[in-house]
PDB file of N, CA and C in Angstrom:
ATOM      1  N   MET A   1       0.854  -1.179   0.000  1.00  0.00           N
ATOM      2  CA  MET A   1       0.000   0.000   0.000  1.00  0.00           C
ATOM      3  C   MET A   1       0.892   1.231   0.000  1.00  0.00           C
ATOM      4  N   TYR A   2       0.514   2.189  -0.813  1.00  0.00           N
ATOM      5  CA  TYR A   2       1.259   3.439  -0.929  1.00  0.00           C
ATOM      6  C   TYR A   2       0.313   4.616  -0.732  1.00  0.00           C
ATOM      7  N   LYS A   3       0.885   5.735  -0.332  1.00  0.00           N
ATOM      8  CA  LYS A   3       0.131   6.980  -0.222  1.00  0.00           C
ATOM      9  C   LYS A   3       0.707   7.945  -1.245  1.00  0.00           C
ATOM     10  N   ALA A   4      -0.190   8.492  -2.067  1.00  0.00           N
ATOM     11  CA  ALA A   4       0.206   9.514  -3.031  1.00  0.00           C
ATOM     12  C   ALA A   4      -0.185  10.866  -2.462  1.00  0.00           C
ATOM     13  N   LYS A   5       0.747  11.790  -2.458  1.00  0.00           N
ATOM     14  CA  LYS A   5       0.495  13.172  -2.065  1.00  0.00           C
ATOM     15  C   LYS A   5       0.686  14.015  -3.318  1.00  0.00           C
ATOM     16  N   ILE A   6      -0.386  14.707  -3.703  1.00  0.00           N
ATOM     17  CA  ILE A   6      -0.405  15.407  -4.978  1.00  0.00           C
ATOM     18  C   ILE A   6      -0.700  16.889  -4.763  1.00  0.00           C
ATOM     19  N   ASN A   7       0.135  17.732  -5.313  1.00  0.00           N
ATOM     20  CA  ASN A   7      -0.089  19.178  -5.311  1.00  0.00           C
ATOM     21  C   ASN A   7      -0.456  19.600  -6.725  1.00  0.00           C
ATOM     22  N   VAL A   8      -1.603  20.268  -6.846  1.00  0.00           N
ATOM     23  CA  VAL A   8      -2.066  20.767  -8.136  1.00  0.00           C
ATOM     24  C   VAL A   8      -2.074  22.287  -8.061  1.00  0.00           C
ATOM     25  N   THR A   9      -1.417  22.936  -9.004  1.00  0.00           N
ATOM     26  CA  THR A   9      -1.359  24.397  -9.024  1.00  0.00           C
ATOM     27  C   THR A   9      -1.636  24.891 -10.438  1.00  0.00           C
ATOM     28  N   LEU A  10      -2.145  26.115 -10.512  1.00  0.00           N
ATOM     29  CA  LEU A  10      -2.307  26.732 -11.820  1.00  0.00           C
ATOM     30  C   LEU A  10      -0.930  26.978 -12.428  1.00  0.00           C
ATOM     31  N   ARG A  11      -0.824  26.853 -13.712  1.00  0.00           N
ATOM     32  CA  ARG A  11       0.445  27.156 -14.384  1.00  0.00           C
ATOM     33  C   ARG A  11       0.797  28.617 -14.170  1.00  0.00           C
ATOM     34  N   LYS A  12       2.060  28.913 -14.171  1.00  0.00           N
ATOM     35  CA  LYS A  12       2.532  30.285 -13.928  1.00  0.00           C
ATOM     36  C   LYS A  12       1.942  31.284 -14.919  1.00  0.00           C
ATOM     37  N   SER A  13       1.633  30.831 -16.117  1.00  0.00           N
ATOM     38  CA  SER A  13       1.098  31.737 -17.140  1.00  0.00           C
ATOM     39  C   SER A  13      -0.394  32.020 -16.955  1.00  0.00           C
ATOM     40  N   ILE A  14      -1.042  31.324 -16.024  1.00  0.00           N
ATOM     41  CA  ILE A  14      -2.477  31.486 -15.790  1.00  0.00           C
ATOM     42  C   ILE A  14      -2.686  32.402 -14.585  1.00  0.00           C
ATOM     43  N   LEU A  15      -3.547  33.405 -14.751  1.00  0.00           N
ATOM     44  CA  LEU A  15      -3.878  34.305 -13.656  1.00  0.00           C
ATOM     45  C   LEU A  15      -4.549  33.526 -12.532  1.00  0.00           C
ATOM     46  N   ASP A  16      -4.136  33.778 -11.283  1.00  0.00           N
ATOM     47  CA  ASP A  16      -4.679  33.111 -10.103  1.00  0.00           C
ATOM     48  C   ASP A  16      -5.464  34.127  -9.274  1.00  0.00           C
ATOM     49  N   PRO A  17      -6.772  34.293  -9.524  1.00  0.00           N
ATOM     50  CA  PRO A  17      -7.537  35.311  -8.809  1.00  0.00           C
ATOM     51  C   PRO A  17      -7.610  35.069  -7.303  1.00  0.00           C
ATOM     52  N   LYS A  18      -7.674  33.813  -6.880  1.00  0.00           N
ATOM     53  CA  LYS A  18      -7.682  33.534  -5.434  1.00  0.00           C
ATOM     54  C   LYS A  18      -6.352  33.934  -4.808  1.00  0.00           C
ATOM     55  N   GLY A  19      -5.273  33.641  -5.497  1.00  0.00           N
ATOM     56  CA  GLY A  19      -3.953  34.022  -5.005  1.00  0.00           C
ATOM     57  C   GLY A  19      -3.796  35.533  -4.936  1.00  0.00           C
ATOM     58  N   LYS A  20      -4.287  36.237  -5.963  1.00  0.00           N
ATOM     59  CA  LYS A  20      -4.216  37.709  -5.967  1.00  0.00           C
ATOM     60  C   LYS A  20      -5.025  38.294  -4.819  1.00  0.00           C
ATOM     61  N   ALA A  21      -6.229  37.748  -4.564  1.00  0.00           N
ATOM     62  CA  ALA A  21      -7.064  38.239  -3.472  1.00  0.00           C
ATOM     63  C   ALA A  21      -6.394  37.985  -2.123  1.00  0.00           C
ATOM     64  N   ALA A  22      -5.800  36.808  -1.955  1.00  0.00           N
ATOM     65  CA  ALA A  22      -5.100  36.494  -0.710  1.00  0.00           C
ATOM     66  C   ALA A  22      -3.891  37.404  -0.531  1.00  0.00           C
ATOM     67  N   HIS A  23      -3.163  37.661  -1.616  1.00  0.00           N
ATOM     68  CA  HIS A  23      -1.995  38.538  -1.570  1.00  0.00           C
ATOM     69  C   HIS A  23      -2.406  39.942  -1.122  1.00  0.00           C
ATOM     70  N   HIS A  24      -3.476  40.446  -1.701  1.00  0.00           N
ATOM     71  CA  HIS A  24      -3.984  41.775  -1.340  1.00  0.00           C
ATOM     72  C   HIS A  24      -4.399  41.802   0.137  1.00  0.00           C
ATOM     73  N   ALA A  25      -5.102  40.767   0.587  1.00  0.00           N
ATOM     74  CA  ALA A  25      -5.542  40.703   1.992  1.00  0.00           C
ATOM     75  C   ALA A  25      -4.353  40.634   2.947  1.00  0.00           C
ATOM     76  N   LEU A  26      -3.327  39.891   2.576  1.00  0.00           N
ATOM     77  CA  LEU A  26      -2.131  39.805   3.426  1.00  0.00           C
ATOM     78  C   LEU A  26      -1.445  41.165   3.532  1.00  0.00           C
ATOM     79  N   HIS A  27      -1.384  41.900   2.445  1.00  0.00           N
ATOM     80  CA  HIS A  27      -0.809  43.257   2.485  1.00  0.00           C
ATOM     81  C   HIS A  27      -1.645  44.159   3.382  1.00  0.00           C
ATOM     82  N   ASN A  28      -2.982  44.002   3.334  1.00  0.00           N
ATOM     83  CA  ASN A  28      -3.853  44.787   4.209  1.00  0.00           C
ATOM     84  C   ASN A  28      -3.621  44.464   5.681  1.00  0.00           C
ATOM     85  N   LEU A  29      -3.123  43.259   5.959  1.00  0.00           N
ATOM     86  CA  LEU A  29      -2.799  42.864   7.332  1.00  0.00           C
ATOM     87  C   LEU A  29      -1.400  43.315   7.742  1.00  0.00           C
ATOM     88  N   GLY A  30      -0.716  44.011   6.852  1.00  0.00           N
ATOM     89  CA  GLY A  30       0.615  44.511   7.165  1.00  0.00           C
ATOM     90  C   GLY A  30       1.744  43.553   6.812  1.00  0.00           C
ATOM     91  N   LEU A  31       1.431  42.472   6.136  1.00  0.00           N
ATOM     92  CA  LEU A  31       2.456  41.500   5.741  1.00  0.00           C
ATOM     93  C   LEU A  31       2.989  41.871   4.357  1.00  0.00           C
ATOM     94  N   ASN A  32       3.710  42.962   4.311  1.00  0.00           N
ATOM     95  CA  ASN A  32       4.150  43.545   3.046  1.00  0.00           C
ATOM     96  C   ASN A  32       5.363  42.867   2.428  1.00  0.00           C
ATOM     97  N   ASN A  33       6.010  41.969   3.144  1.00  0.00           N
ATOM     98  CA  ASN A  33       7.181  41.280   2.601  1.00  0.00           C
ATOM     99  C   ASN A  33       6.800  40.052   1.780  1.00  0.00           C
ATOM    100  N   ILE A  34       5.513  39.745   1.690  1.00  0.00           N
ATOM    101  CA  ILE A  34       5.053  38.625   0.866  1.00  0.00           C
ATOM    102  C   ILE A  34       4.837  39.154  -0.546  1.00  0.00           C
ATOM    103  N   ASN A  35       5.588  38.602  -1.494  1.00  0.00           N
ATOM    104  CA  ASN A  35       5.591  39.129  -2.855  1.00  0.00           C
ATOM    105  C   ASN A  35       4.595  38.466  -3.798  1.00  0.00           C
ATOM    106  N   ASP A  36       4.236  37.224  -3.541  1.00  0.00           N
ATOM    107  CA  ASP A  36       3.342  36.522  -4.464  1.00  0.00           C
ATOM    108  C   ASP A  36       2.643  35.405  -3.713  1.00  0.00           C
ATOM    109  N   VAL A  37       1.392  35.147  -4.066  1.00  0.00           N
ATOM    110  CA  VAL A  37       0.625  34.051  -3.475  1.00  0.00           C
ATOM    111  C   VAL A  37      -0.048  33.299  -4.611  1.00  0.00           C
ATOM    112  N   ARG A  38       0.106  31.995  -4.632  1.00  0.00           N
ATOM    113  CA  ARG A  38      -0.582  31.126  -5.593  1.00  0.00           C
ATOM    114  C   ARG A  38      -1.332  30.092  -4.762  1.00  0.00           C
ATOM    115  N   ILE A  39      -2.576  29.851  -5.087  1.00  0.00           N
ATOM    116  CA  ILE A  39      -3.390  28.899  -4.338  1.00  0.00           C
ATOM    117  C   ILE A  39      -3.728  27.725  -5.246  1.00  0.00           C
ATOM    118  N   GLY A  40      -3.553  26.519  -4.720  1.00  0.00           N
ATOM    119  CA  GLY A  40      -3.844  25.309  -5.480  1.00  0.00           C
ATOM    120  C   GLY A  40      -4.657  24.349  -4.635  1.00  0.00           C
ATOM    121  N   LYS A  41      -4.511  23.073  -4.938  1.00  0.00           N
ATOM    122  CA  LYS A  41      -5.205  22.057  -4.160  1.00  0.00           C
ATOM    123  C   LYS A  41      -4.245  20.922  -3.839  1.00  0.00           C
ATOM    124  N   PHE A  42      -4.510  20.274  -2.697  1.00  0.00           N
ATOM    125  CA  PHE A  42      -3.692  19.173  -2.223  1.00  0.00           C
ATOM    126  C   PHE A  42      -4.577  17.943  -2.139  1.00  0.00           C
ATOM    127  N   ILE A  43      -4.112  16.839  -2.693  1.00  0.00           N
ATOM    128  CA  ILE A  43      -4.885  15.599  -2.736  1.00  0.00           C
ATOM    129  C   ILE A  43      -4.025  14.476  -2.159  1.00  0.00           C
ATOM    130  N   GLU A  44      -4.627  13.663  -1.306  1.00  0.00           N
ATOM    131  CA  GLU A  44      -3.970  12.449  -0.812  1.00  0.00           C
ATOM    132  C   GLU A  44      -4.808  11.249  -1.220  1.00  0.00           C
ATOM    133  N   MET A  45      -4.158  10.198  -1.645  1.00  0.00           N
ATOM    134  CA  MET A  45      -4.871   8.958  -1.928  1.00  0.00           C
ATOM    135  C   MET A  45      -4.042   7.756  -1.516  1.00  0.00           C
ATOM    136  N   ASP A  46      -4.739   6.764  -1.007  1.00  0.00           N
ATOM    137  CA  ASP A  46      -4.117   5.485  -0.712  1.00  0.00           C
ATOM    138  C   ASP A  46      -4.253   4.621  -1.954  1.00  0.00           C
ATOM    139  N   ILE A  47      -3.143   4.027  -2.353  1.00  0.00           N
ATOM    140  CA  ILE A  47      -3.116   3.255  -3.590  1.00  0.00           C
ATOM    141  C   ILE A  47      -2.598   1.855  -3.293  1.00  0.00           C
ATOM    142  N   ARG A  48      -3.356   0.866  -3.732  1.00  0.00           N
ATOM    143  CA  ARG A  48      -2.923  -0.520  -3.603  1.00  0.00           C
ATOM    144  C   ARG A  48      -2.123  -0.858  -4.860  1.00  0.00           C
ATOM    145  N   ALA A  49      -0.841  -1.083  -4.684  1.00  0.00           N
ATOM    146  CA  ALA A  49       0.049  -1.384  -5.806  1.00  0.00           C
ATOM    147  C   ALA A  49       1.210  -2.231  -5.301  1.00  0.00           C
ATOM    148  N   ASP A  50       1.831  -2.958  -6.209  1.00  0.00           N
ATOM    149  CA  ASP A  50       2.954  -3.828  -5.835  1.00  0.00           C
ATOM    150  C   ASP A  50       4.269  -3.066  -5.725  1.00  0.00           C
ATOM    151  N   THR A  51       4.414  -2.002  -6.502  1.00  0.00           N
ATOM    152  CA  THR A  51       5.664  -1.250  -6.492  1.00  0.00           C
ATOM    153  C   THR A  51       5.382   0.246  -6.420  1.00  0.00           C
ATOM    154  N   GLU A  52       6.391   1.000  -6.020  1.00  0.00           N
ATOM    155  CA  GLU A  52       6.275   2.454  -5.981  1.00  0.00           C
ATOM    156  C   GLU A  52       6.036   3.005  -7.383  1.00  0.00           C
ATOM    157  N   LYS A  53       6.692   2.417  -8.372  1.00  0.00           N
ATOM    158  CA  LYS A  53       6.521   2.855  -9.757  1.00  0.00           C
ATOM    159  C   LYS A  53       5.082   2.666 -10.205  1.00  0.00           C
ATOM    160  N   GLU A  54       4.476   1.549  -9.879  1.00  0.00           N
ATOM    161  CA  GLU A  54       3.081   1.284 -10.247  1.00  0.00           C
ATOM    162  C   GLU A  54       2.146   2.283  -9.550  1.00  0.00           C
ATOM    163  N   ALA A  55       2.421   2.561  -8.276  1.00  0.00           N
ATOM    164  CA  ALA A  55       1.609   3.535  -7.531  1.00  0.00           C
ATOM    165  C   ALA A  55       1.722   4.914  -8.179  1.00  0.00           C
ATOM    166  N   TYR A  56       2.924   5.296  -8.572  1.00  0.00           N
ATOM    167  CA  TYR A  56       3.126   6.588  -9.237  1.00  0.00           C
ATOM    168  C   TYR A  56       2.342   6.647 -10.549  1.00  0.00           C
ATOM    169  N   GLU A  57       2.416   5.585 -11.329  1.00  0.00           N
ATOM    170  CA  GLU A  57       1.725   5.556 -12.618  1.00  0.00           C
ATOM    171  C   GLU A  57       0.211   5.666 -12.436  1.00  0.00           C
ATOM    172  N   LEU A  58      -0.341   5.010 -11.402  1.00  0.00           N
ATOM    173  CA  LEU A  58      -1.775   5.103 -11.125  1.00  0.00           C
ATOM    174  C   LEU A  58      -2.159   6.525 -10.716  1.00  0.00           C
ATOM    175  N   ALA A  59      -1.353   7.143  -9.854  1.00  0.00           N
ATOM    176  CA  ALA A  59      -1.621   8.511  -9.424  1.00  0.00           C
ATOM    177  C   ALA A  59      -1.513   9.470 -10.605  1.00  0.00           C
ATOM    178  N   ASN A  60      -0.530   9.270 -11.451  1.00  0.00           N
ATOM    179  CA  ASN A  60      -0.339  10.112 -12.629  1.00  0.00           C
ATOM    180  C   ASN A  60      -1.535   9.994 -13.578  1.00  0.00           C
ATOM    181  N   THR A  61      -2.024   8.796 -13.766  1.00  0.00           N
ATOM    182  CA  THR A  61      -3.200   8.587 -14.617  1.00  0.00           C
ATOM    183  C   THR A  61      -4.425   9.266 -14.025  1.00  0.00           C
ATOM    184  N   ALA A  62      -4.603   9.156 -12.699  1.00  0.00           N
ATOM    185  CA  ALA A  62      -5.736   9.802 -12.029  1.00  0.00           C
ATOM    186  C   ALA A  62      -5.678  11.316 -12.219  1.00  0.00           C
ATOM    187  N   CYS A  63      -4.496  11.880 -12.114  1.00  0.00           N
ATOM    188  CA  CYS A  63      -4.335  13.330 -12.308  1.00  0.00           C
ATOM    189  C   CYS A  63      -4.617  13.722 -13.745  1.00  0.00           C
ATOM    190  N   SER A  64      -4.068  12.987 -14.669  1.00  0.00           N
ATOM    191  CA  SER A  64      -4.218  13.316 -16.087  1.00  0.00           C
ATOM    192  C   SER A  64      -5.665  13.194 -16.560  1.00  0.00           C
ATOM    193  N   LYS A  65      -6.381  12.205 -16.027  1.00  0.00           N
ATOM    194  CA  LYS A  65      -7.739  11.947 -16.514  1.00  0.00           C
ATOM    195  C   LYS A  65      -8.822  12.700 -15.753  1.00  0.00           C
ATOM    196  N   LEU A  66      -8.551  13.069 -14.472  1.00  0.00           N
ATOM    197  CA  LEU A  66      -9.632  13.653 -13.688  1.00  0.00           C
ATOM    198  C   LEU A  66      -9.222  14.788 -12.750  1.00  0.00           C
ATOM    199  N   LEU A  67      -8.164  14.599 -11.996  1.00  0.00           N
ATOM    200  CA  LEU A  67      -7.870  15.489 -10.874  1.00  0.00           C
ATOM    201  C   LEU A  67      -7.254  16.828 -11.262  1.00  0.00           C
ATOM    202  N   ALA A  68      -6.633  16.895 -12.415  1.00  0.00           N
ATOM    203  CA  ALA A  68      -5.992  18.143 -12.848  1.00  0.00           C
ATOM    204  C   ALA A  68      -6.388  18.445 -14.292  1.00  0.00           C
ATOM    205  N   ASN A  69      -6.537  19.715 -14.575  1.00  0.00           N
ATOM    206  CA  ASN A  69      -6.784  20.172 -15.934  1.00  0.00           C
ATOM    207  C   ASN A  69      -5.417  20.511 -16.531  1.00  0.00           C
ATOM    208  N   GLU A  70      -4.898  19.617 -17.334  1.00  0.00           N
ATOM    209  CA  GLU A  70      -3.523  19.774 -17.818  1.00  0.00           C
ATOM    210  C   GLU A  70      -3.328  20.969 -18.752  1.00  0.00           C
ATOM    211  N   VAL A  71      -4.404  21.568 -19.226  1.00  0.00           N
ATOM    212  CA  VAL A  71      -4.287  22.773 -20.038  1.00  0.00           C
ATOM    213  C   VAL A  71      -3.905  23.954 -19.155  1.00  0.00           C
ATOM    214  N   MET A  72      -4.456  23.980 -17.924  1.00  0.00           N
ATOM    215  CA  MET A  72      -4.268  25.124 -17.031  1.00  0.00           C
ATOM    216  C   MET A  72      -3.449  24.816 -15.784  1.00  0.00           C
ATOM    217  N   GLU A  73      -3.295  23.544 -15.433  1.00  0.00           N
ATOM    218  CA  GLU A  73      -2.689  23.188 -14.149  1.00  0.00           C
ATOM    219  C   GLU A  73      -1.488  22.262 -14.324  1.00  0.00           C
ATOM    220  N   ASP A  74      -0.579  22.387 -13.380  1.00  0.00           N
ATOM    221  CA  ASP A  74       0.536  21.458 -13.239  1.00  0.00           C
ATOM    222  C   ASP A  74       0.294  20.634 -11.987  1.00  0.00           C
ATOM    223  N   PHE A  75       0.882  19.451 -11.918  1.00  0.00           N
ATOM    224  CA  PHE A  75       0.775  18.666 -10.693  1.00  0.00           C
ATOM    225  C   PHE A  75       2.096  17.980 -10.388  1.00  0.00           C
ATOM    226  N   GLN A  76       2.311  17.788  -9.091  1.00  0.00           N
ATOM    227  CA  GLN A  76       3.507  17.109  -8.605  1.00  0.00           C
ATOM    228  C   GLN A  76       3.049  15.961  -7.712  1.00  0.00           C
ATOM    229  N   ILE A  77       3.642  14.800  -7.887  1.00  0.00           N
ATOM    230  CA  ILE A  77       3.239  13.615  -7.144  1.00  0.00           C
ATOM    231  C   ILE A  77       4.401  13.141  -6.294  1.00  0.00           C
ATOM    232  N   GLU A  78       4.105  12.857  -5.033  1.00  0.00           N
ATOM    233  CA  GLU A  78       5.069  12.253  -4.122  1.00  0.00           C
ATOM    234  C   GLU A  78       4.455  10.956  -3.630  1.00  0.00           C
ATOM    235  N   ILE A  79       5.207   9.868  -3.699  1.00  0.00           N
ATOM    236  CA  ILE A  79       4.723   8.555  -3.279  1.00  0.00           C
ATOM    237  C   ILE A  79       5.465   8.136  -2.009  1.00  0.00           C
ATOM    238  N   GLU A  80       4.694   7.681  -1.022  1.00  0.00           N
ATOM    239  CA  GLU A  80       5.265   7.159   0.229  1.00  0.00           C
ATOM    240  C   GLU A  80       4.728   5.757   0.463  1.00  0.00           C
ATOM    241  N   LYS A  81       5.567   4.906   1.030  1.00  0.00           N
ATOM    242  CA  LYS A  81       5.119   3.563   1.416  1.00  0.00           C
ATOM    243  C   LYS A  81       4.307   3.681   2.681  1.00  0.00           C
ATOM    244  N   ASN A  82       3.143   3.060   2.692  1.00  0.00           N
ATOM    245  CA  ASN A  82       2.247   3.083   3.855  1.00  0.00           C
ATOM    246  C   ASN A  82       2.528   1.929   4.791  1.00  0.00           C
TER     247      ASN A  82
END
């Protein structure tokens, strides 16, 4: 059993309105040293697989087919043994 930890973020070329709003709010709180904020999503899944490579491939397929919009988003996958 493996655990996949997946971070999905908008591509740098895509405007992030949630990140811009959070950045503005942080400046209003006096946190002026924060230069940029990007907001994404974090996904965890337990995967039944024989190898770490197989678990990665399953997580990658899940991201490509459903969890991430590859036109607008990038994703990073980390696999841990459970």
